[in-house]
Structure formats: C-alpha cells, structure tokens
Amino acid sequence: AAAEAAIGAPVELDEATLRAALDPAACAAARLQIGSSSQAAMEAMLAGLAATLAANESWSEAAQERESSAEAALLARARELL
C-alpha cells in the first residue's frame, strides 16, 4: 500500500528476494567498491592499516633512539662543563 501510494503502482517481492535484501552479510558482500564493507575491501583496508602501523612503529622507535642519543650527548656535554 505504501509503495502504491508513493509510486502509483504496487511492488511485489517474493520471500527469497526480501530475505536476501534483509541479510546483512549478503548486503555487505554485494558492496564491491573501494572502502565498502565487503570482506575483500575490509581485508585490503586492514592490510593498509597494518602497513601504516608498522611504518609508524618503526619511525617511533627510531625517534626514541634519537631522543636517547641526544639526551646522552647533552648530559655528557653538561658534565664536561662542570
């Protein structure tokens, strides 16, 4: 009735079509564009995030090493001046 009022014609759906349309997993799997919720898109996004995280962890470790080295050099210079 609502469809007929909205578009002027009845809409008929069989039970299988309606069940498929209401199945969240099927809906997610049907979304194939980049950034969608399909399994392939999610796996690609997670792989990209893992690579970004690894790069950031590597940068952070190197930054910590540079900070420690700079602190050690600063303390050594301070001892020289005393």
C-alpha atoms as a PDB file:
ATOM      1  CA  ALA A   1       0.000   0.000   0.000  1.00  0.00           C
ATOM      2  CA  ALA A   2       2.794   2.437   0.842  1.00  0.00           C
ATOM      3  CA  ALA A   3       4.627   1.711  -2.408  1.00  0.00           C
ATOM      4  CA  GLU A   4       1.449   2.177  -4.407  1.00  0.00           C
ATOM      5  CA  ALA A   5       0.811   5.497  -2.673  1.00  0.00           C
ATOM      6  CA  ALA A   6       4.401   6.634  -3.270  1.00  0.00           C
ATOM      7  CA  ILE A   7       4.966   5.482  -6.846  1.00  0.00           C
ATOM      8  CA  GLY A   8       1.461   4.767  -8.087  1.00  0.00           C
ATOM      9  CA  ALA A   9       1.994   1.049  -8.593  1.00  0.00           C
ATOM     10  CA  PRO A  10       2.182  -1.977  -6.345  1.00  0.00           C
ATOM     11  CA  VAL A  11       5.588  -3.515  -5.612  1.00  0.00           C
ATOM     12  CA  GLU A  12       5.712  -7.271  -5.412  1.00  0.00           C
ATOM     13  CA  LEU A  13       8.601  -9.079  -3.766  1.00  0.00           C
ATOM     14  CA  ASP A  14       8.858 -12.796  -3.267  1.00  0.00           C
ATOM     15  CA  GLU A  15      10.036 -14.050   0.103  1.00  0.00           C
ATOM     16  CA  ALA A  16      13.509 -15.077  -1.148  1.00  0.00           C
ATOM     17  CA  THR A  17      14.173 -11.621  -2.610  1.00  0.00           C
ATOM     18  CA  LEU A  18      13.024  -9.933   0.591  1.00  0.00           C
ATOM     19  CA  ARG A  19      15.159 -12.248   2.759  1.00  0.00           C
ATOM     20  CA  ALA A  20      18.214 -11.577   0.572  1.00  0.00           C
ATOM     21  CA  ALA A  21      17.629  -7.820   0.795  1.00  0.00           C
ATOM     22  CA  LEU A  22      17.444  -8.013   4.591  1.00  0.00           C
ATOM     23  CA  ASP A  23      20.523 -10.258   5.027  1.00  0.00           C
ATOM     24  CA  PRO A  24      23.332  -8.047   6.428  1.00  0.00           C
ATOM     25  CA  ALA A  25      26.121 -10.409   5.327  1.00  0.00           C
ATOM     26  CA  ALA A  26      24.753 -10.591   1.786  1.00  0.00           C
ATOM     27  CA  CYS A  27      24.395  -6.814   1.649  1.00  0.00           C
ATOM     28  CA  ALA A  28      27.996  -6.329   2.821  1.00  0.00           C
ATOM     29  CA  ALA A  29      29.309  -8.899   0.325  1.00  0.00           C
ATOM     30  CA  ALA A  30      27.484  -7.154  -2.516  1.00  0.00           C
ATOM     31  CA  ARG A  31      29.291  -3.867  -1.859  1.00  0.00           C
ATOM     32  CA  LEU A  32      32.330  -4.191  -4.102  1.00  0.00           C
ATOM     33  CA  GLN A  33      33.573  -0.604  -4.322  1.00  0.00           C
ATOM     34  CA  ILE A  34      36.730   0.596  -2.548  1.00  0.00           C
ATOM     35  CA  GLY A  35      36.010   1.495   1.045  1.00  0.00           C
ATOM     36  CA  SER A  36      32.917  -0.667   1.244  1.00  0.00           C
ATOM     37  CA  SER A  37      32.059  -3.190   3.920  1.00  0.00           C
ATOM     38  CA  SER A  38      32.726  -6.231   1.730  1.00  0.00           C
ATOM     39  CA  GLN A  39      35.194  -8.779   3.051  1.00  0.00           C
ATOM     40  CA  ALA A  40      37.726  -8.033   0.302  1.00  0.00           C
ATOM     41  CA  ALA A  41      37.528  -4.275   0.890  1.00  0.00           C
ATOM     42  CA  MET A  42      37.850  -4.726   4.664  1.00  0.00           C
ATOM     43  CA  GLU A  43      40.867  -7.043   4.230  1.00  0.00           C
ATOM     44  CA  ALA A  44      42.538  -4.513   1.931  1.00  0.00           C
ATOM     45  CA  MET A  45      41.846  -1.677   4.373  1.00  0.00           C
ATOM     46  CA  LEU A  46      43.162  -3.692   7.330  1.00  0.00           C
ATOM     47  CA  ALA A  47      46.295  -4.663   5.392  1.00  0.00           C
ATOM     48  CA  GLY A  48      46.889  -0.998   4.608  1.00  0.00           C
ATOM     49  CA  LEU A  49      46.387  -0.072   8.256  1.00  0.00           C
ATOM     50  CA  ALA A  50      48.794  -2.805   9.347  1.00  0.00           C
ATOM     51  CA  ALA A  51      51.442  -1.467   6.973  1.00  0.00           C
ATOM     52  CA  THR A  52      50.886   2.100   8.195  1.00  0.00           C
ATOM     53  CA  LEU A  53      51.074   0.976  11.814  1.00  0.00           C
ATOM     54  CA  ALA A  54      54.319  -0.904  11.172  1.00  0.00           C
ATOM     55  CA  ALA A  55      55.841   2.150   9.495  1.00  0.00           C
ATOM     56  CA  ASN A  56      54.742   4.386  12.360  1.00  0.00           C
ATOM     57  CA  GLU A  57      56.111   1.970  14.954  1.00  0.00           C
ATOM     58  CA  SER A  58      59.428   1.925  13.108  1.00  0.00           C
ATOM     59  CA  TRP A  59      59.516   5.724  12.985  1.00  0.00           C
ATOM     60  CA  SER A  60      58.633   5.921  16.690  1.00  0.00           C
ATOM     61  CA  GLU A  61      61.426   3.503  17.650  1.00  0.00           C
ATOM     62  CA  ALA A  62      63.947   5.495  15.599  1.00  0.00           C
ATOM     63  CA  ALA A  63      62.713   8.751  17.164  1.00  0.00           C
ATOM     64  CA  GLN A  64      63.116   7.270  20.651  1.00  0.00           C
ATOM     65  CA  GLU A  65      66.655   6.200  19.802  1.00  0.00           C
ATOM     66  CA  ARG A  66      67.458   9.714  18.502  1.00  0.00           C
ATOM     67  CA  GLU A  67      65.989  11.239  21.665  1.00  0.00           C
ATOM     68  CA  SER A  68      68.016   8.933  23.908  1.00  0.00           C
ATOM     69  CA  SER A  69      71.176   9.691  21.958  1.00  0.00           C
ATOM     70  CA  ALA A  70      70.555  13.433  22.122  1.00  0.00           C
ATOM     71  CA  GLU A  71      69.883  13.244  25.862  1.00  0.00           C
ATOM     72  CA  ALA A  72      73.071  11.263  26.441  1.00  0.00           C
ATOM     73  CA  ALA A  73      75.080  13.780  24.400  1.00  0.00           C
ATOM     74  CA  LEU A  74      73.524  16.685  26.305  1.00  0.00           C
ATOM     75  CA  LEU A  75      74.300  15.107  29.686  1.00  0.00           C
ATOM     76  CA  ALA A  76      77.859  14.316  28.601  1.00  0.00           C
ATOM     77  CA  ARG A  77      78.367  17.913  27.497  1.00  0.00           C
ATOM     78  CA  ALA A  78      76.893  19.187  30.790  1.00  0.00           C
ATOM     79  CA  ARG A  79      79.363  17.017  32.731  1.00  0.00           C
ATOM     80  CA  GLU A  80      82.218  18.438  30.637  1.00  0.00           C
ATOM     81  CA  LEU A  81      81.194  21.967  31.539  1.00  0.00           C
ATOM     82  CA  LEU A  82      81.064  21.239  35.270  1.00  0.00           C
END
